[in-house]
Amino acid sequence: MDFKDYYKVLGVESNADAAAIKSAYRKLARKYHP
């Protein structure tokens, strides 16, 4: 199984706080949700 860098997928730094990760996730969810 290949490892994916989830920080890179979300477009945030690896030292990002929870709020930044949550915001990036929701932004991508809105973009790709049908």
C-alpha atoms as a PDB file:
ATOM      1  CA  MET A   1       0.000   0.000   0.000  1.00  0.00           C
ATOM      2  CA  ASP A   2       1.357   3.391  -0.949  1.00  0.00           C
ATOM      3  CA  PHE A   3       1.584   6.117   1.662  1.00  0.00           C
ATOM      4  CA  LYS A   4      -0.079   9.403   0.752  1.00  0.00           C
ATOM      5  CA  ASP A   5       1.017  12.703   2.225  1.00  0.00           C
ATOM      6  CA  TYR A   6      -2.333  13.957   3.434  1.00  0.00           C
ATOM      7  CA  TYR A   7      -0.957  17.383   4.265  1.00  0.00           C
ATOM      8  CA  LYS A   8       0.076  17.763   0.627  1.00  0.00           C
ATOM      9  CA  VAL A   9      -3.337  16.560  -0.571  1.00  0.00           C
ATOM     10  CA  LEU A  10      -5.013  19.194   1.602  1.00  0.00           C
ATOM     11  CA  GLY A  11      -2.474  21.830   0.620  1.00  0.00           C
ATOM     12  CA  VAL A  12      -1.376  22.669   4.158  1.00  0.00           C
ATOM     13  CA  GLU A  13       1.951  22.534   5.974  1.00  0.00           C
ATOM     14  CA  SER A  14       2.729  19.523   8.179  1.00  0.00           C
ATOM     15  CA  ASN A  15       2.761  21.812  11.229  1.00  0.00           C
ATOM     16  CA  ALA A  16      -0.672  23.321  10.487  1.00  0.00           C
ATOM     17  CA  ASP A  17      -3.127  23.602  13.353  1.00  0.00           C
ATOM     18  CA  ALA A  18      -6.431  21.742  13.479  1.00  0.00           C
ATOM     19  CA  ALA A  19      -8.432  24.759  12.322  1.00  0.00           C
ATOM     20  CA  ALA A  20      -6.333  25.129   9.156  1.00  0.00           C
ATOM     21  CA  ILE A  21      -6.642  21.420   8.369  1.00  0.00           C
ATOM     22  CA  LYS A  22     -10.409  21.513   8.940  1.00  0.00           C
ATOM     23  CA  SER A  23     -10.771  24.575   6.731  1.00  0.00           C
ATOM     24  CA  ALA A  24      -8.723  23.026   3.916  1.00  0.00           C
ATOM     25  CA  TYR A  25     -10.717  19.784   4.128  1.00  0.00           C
ATOM     26  CA  ARG A  26     -14.056  21.586   3.948  1.00  0.00           C
ATOM     27  CA  LYS A  27     -12.868  23.725   1.042  1.00  0.00           C
ATOM     28  CA  LEU A  28     -11.936  20.614  -0.964  1.00  0.00           C
ATOM     29  CA  ALA A  29     -15.147  18.850   0.088  1.00  0.00           C
ATOM     30  CA  ARG A  30     -17.229  21.724  -1.303  1.00  0.00           C
ATOM     31  CA  LYS A  31     -15.160  21.754  -4.493  1.00  0.00           C
ATOM     32  CA  TYR A  32     -15.446  18.039  -5.291  1.00  0.00           C
ATOM     33  CA  HIS A  33     -18.846  17.122  -3.838  1.00  0.00           C
ATOM     34  CA  PRO A  34     -21.386  16.486  -6.596  1.00  0.00           C
END
